[in-house]
């Protein structure tokens, strides 16, 4: 089974291993320093330039889905989607700004504490309620709300400092 799962992974094993090393270094560094650490500290810890560190994290976080998986099974549906995407005359500057904002948000989320990151992920990407998140994390709904508010404040502050 393990070899079948590995065959489905589009990333080389070495890159997947390197991403795990970054995660391990992040955890160990936080434990050693007794505080949250930033990307620069983790990159320095593993001996990488910051850009290389971000590149590994970005690539390791990618995943692919097929159009069929999201409900576009017929050729007509795929063609309609393609036409729609082509018809969107979004200029490259706007696309660039959107991409930059997404990258900044992803980086800001990545800098959150693990529980905050998990709450944000479960709430916004998995569409769980605060009550459901509380059950998953074995904490009260009130604590989930606190973590969510805390994370959102940090994200707003970070994005405002970057002028987004």
Protein backbone atom coordinates (compact mmCIF):
# COMPACT_ATOMS: atom_id res chain seq x y z
CA UNK A 1 0.00 0.00 0.00
CA UNK A 2 2.80 2.39 0.89
CA UNK A 3 4.45 2.00 -2.51
CA UNK A 4 1.09 2.68 -4.20
CA UNK A 5 0.68 5.89 -2.21
CA UNK A 6 4.22 6.96 -3.07
CA UNK A 7 3.50 6.34 -6.73
CA UNK A 8 0.58 8.77 -6.54
CA UNK A 9 2.78 11.51 -5.06
CA UNK A 10 3.99 13.90 -7.75
CA UNK A 11 6.88 15.17 -5.60
CA UNK A 12 10.23 13.41 -5.56
CA UNK A 13 10.94 11.57 -2.34
CA UNK A 14 13.98 13.78 -1.70
CA UNK A 15 11.88 16.94 -1.82
CA UNK A 16 9.24 15.42 0.45
CA UNK A 17 12.04 14.45 2.86
CA UNK A 18 13.49 17.97 2.73
CA UNK A 19 10.07 19.45 3.56
CA UNK A 20 9.82 17.14 6.58
CA UNK A 21 13.28 18.26 7.67
CA UNK A 22 12.09 21.88 7.58
CA UNK A 23 9.06 21.01 9.70
CA UNK A 24 11.22 19.12 12.19
CA UNK A 25 13.70 22.00 12.39
CA UNK A 26 10.85 24.44 13.00
CA UNK A 27 9.50 22.37 15.89
CA UNK A 28 12.93 21.76 17.45
CA UNK A 29 13.87 25.42 17.17
CA UNK A 30 10.63 26.51 18.85
CA UNK A 31 11.21 24.01 21.63
CA UNK A 32 14.80 25.11 22.11
CA UNK A 33 13.98 28.84 22.10
CA UNK A 34 10.68 28.50 23.94
CA UNK A 35 8.83 30.81 21.56
CA UNK A 36 7.42 31.02 18.06
CA UNK A 37 10.11 31.26 15.43
CA UNK A 38 10.04 32.95 12.06
CA UNK A 39 10.98 31.67 8.63
CA UNK A 40 14.35 33.41 8.66
CA UNK A 41 15.36 31.58 11.83
CA UNK A 42 14.28 28.20 10.48
CA UNK A 43 16.07 28.79 7.17
CA UNK A 44 19.25 29.72 9.03
CA UNK A 45 18.88 26.67 11.27
CA UNK A 46 18.86 24.32 8.27
CA UNK A 47 21.45 26.31 6.32
CA UNK A 48 19.22 27.52 3.50
CA UNK A 49 18.83 30.88 1.84
CA UNK A 50 15.39 32.29 2.63
CA UNK A 51 14.26 32.09 -1.01
CA UNK A 52 15.24 28.41 -1.23
CA UNK A 53 13.42 27.75 2.04
CA UNK A 54 10.24 29.37 0.66
CA UNK A 55 10.56 27.49 -2.60
CA UNK A 56 10.70 24.12 -0.83
CA UNK A 57 7.72 25.02 1.35
CA UNK A 58 5.74 26.27 -1.64
CA UNK A 59 6.42 23.21 -3.80
CA UNK A 60 5.85 20.74 -0.96
CA UNK A 61 2.46 22.33 -0.26
CA UNK A 62 1.18 21.86 -3.81
CA UNK A 63 -1.48 19.37 -4.69
CA UNK A 64 -3.33 18.62 -7.87
CA UNK A 65 -6.94 17.78 -8.51
CA UNK A 66 -8.53 16.73 -11.72
CA UNK A 67 -11.43 18.57 -13.30
CA UNK A 68 -13.43 15.38 -12.92
CA UNK A 69 -12.91 15.48 -9.16
CA UNK A 70 -14.65 18.84 -8.97
CA UNK A 71 -17.54 17.95 -11.23
CA UNK A 72 -16.35 18.80 -14.74
CA UNK A 73 -16.66 15.41 -16.37
CA UNK A 74 -17.96 16.05 -19.88
CA UNK A 75 -15.97 17.67 -22.68
CA UNK A 76 -18.62 20.39 -22.91
CA UNK A 77 -18.25 21.28 -19.22
CA UNK A 78 -14.47 21.43 -19.56
CA UNK A 79 -14.72 23.59 -22.68
CA UNK A 80 -17.16 25.94 -20.93
CA UNK A 81 -14.76 26.30 -18.02
CA UNK A 82 -11.84 26.94 -20.37
CA UNK A 83 -13.85 29.58 -22.28
CA UNK A 84 -14.84 31.28 -19.06
CA UNK A 85 -11.25 31.41 -17.83
CA UNK A 86 -10.01 32.77 -21.15
CA UNK A 87 -12.78 35.38 -21.26
CA UNK A 88 -11.66 36.86 -17.97
CA UNK A 89 -9.57 39.76 -19.21
CA UNK A 90 -7.71 40.28 -16.00
CA UNK A 91 -4.56 42.26 -16.63
CA UNK A 92 -1.21 40.89 -15.56
CA UNK A 93 -0.71 43.61 -12.94
CA UNK A 94 -3.94 42.61 -11.18
CA UNK A 95 -3.02 38.94 -11.39
CA UNK A 96 0.40 39.76 -9.99
CA UNK A 97 -1.11 41.70 -7.08
CA UNK A 98 -3.53 38.88 -6.32
CA UNK A 99 -0.69 36.36 -6.36
CA UNK A 100 1.41 38.59 -4.11
CA UNK A 101 -1.46 38.97 -1.64
CA UNK A 102 -2.05 35.21 -1.63
CA UNK A 103 1.65 34.58 -1.00
CA UNK A 104 1.70 37.09 1.86
CA UNK A 105 -1.40 35.55 3.40
CA UNK A 106 0.05 32.05 3.09
CA UNK A 107 3.28 33.21 4.71
CA UNK A 108 1.37 34.95 7.51
CA UNK A 109 -0.72 31.83 8.14
CA UNK A 110 2.43 29.74 8.16
CA UNK A 111 3.86 31.94 10.92
CA UNK A 112 0.89 31.31 13.22
CA UNK A 113 1.15 28.96 16.18
CA UNK A 114 0.21 25.39 15.29
CA UNK A 115 -3.20 25.46 17.01
CA UNK A 116 -4.07 28.82 15.45
CA UNK A 117 -3.04 27.50 12.04
CA UNK A 118 -5.15 24.40 12.57
CA UNK A 119 -8.21 26.42 13.63
CA UNK A 120 -7.89 28.68 10.58
CA UNK A 121 -7.49 25.68 8.30
CA UNK A 122 -10.42 23.76 9.74
CA UNK A 123 -12.67 26.81 9.81
CA UNK A 124 -11.96 28.32 6.40
CA UNK A 125 -10.85 25.36 4.29
CA UNK A 126 -12.71 22.47 5.85
CA UNK A 127 -15.82 24.55 6.68
CA UNK A 128 -16.11 23.14 10.19
CA UNK A 129 -18.03 25.06 12.83
CA UNK A 130 -16.29 26.22 15.98
CA UNK A 131 -18.14 23.52 17.89
CA UNK A 132 -16.90 20.84 15.46
CA UNK A 133 -13.35 22.19 15.64
CA UNK A 134 -13.56 22.02 19.43
CA UNK A 135 -14.46 18.35 19.23
CA UNK A 136 -11.63 17.64 16.79
CA UNK A 137 -9.04 19.44 18.93
CA UNK A 138 -10.58 18.38 22.24
CA UNK A 139 -10.97 21.96 23.45
CA UNK A 140 -14.02 24.07 24.24
CA UNK A 141 -15.90 26.00 21.59
CA UNK A 142 -15.02 29.14 23.53
CA UNK A 143 -11.30 28.33 23.28
CA UNK A 144 -11.67 27.72 19.54
CA UNK A 145 -13.26 31.16 19.23
CA UNK A 146 -10.38 32.70 21.18
CA UNK A 147 -7.78 30.99 19.00
CA UNK A 148 -9.65 32.05 15.86
CA UNK A 149 -9.88 35.69 16.99
CA UNK A 150 -6.24 35.69 18.01
CA UNK A 151 -5.17 34.24 14.65
CA UNK A 152 -7.30 36.69 12.66
CA UNK A 153 -5.85 39.63 14.61
CA UNK A 154 -2.32 38.41 13.89
CA UNK A 155 -3.11 37.94 10.21
CA UNK A 156 -4.68 41.40 9.92
CA UNK A 157 -1.71 42.98 11.65
CA UNK A 158 0.75 41.15 9.43
CA UNK A 159 -1.09 42.01 6.22
CA UNK A 160 -1.55 45.64 7.25
CA UNK A 161 2.17 45.92 7.89
CA UNK A 162 2.68 44.71 4.32
CA UNK A 163 0.10 47.24 3.01
CA UNK A 164 -2.55 44.71 1.97
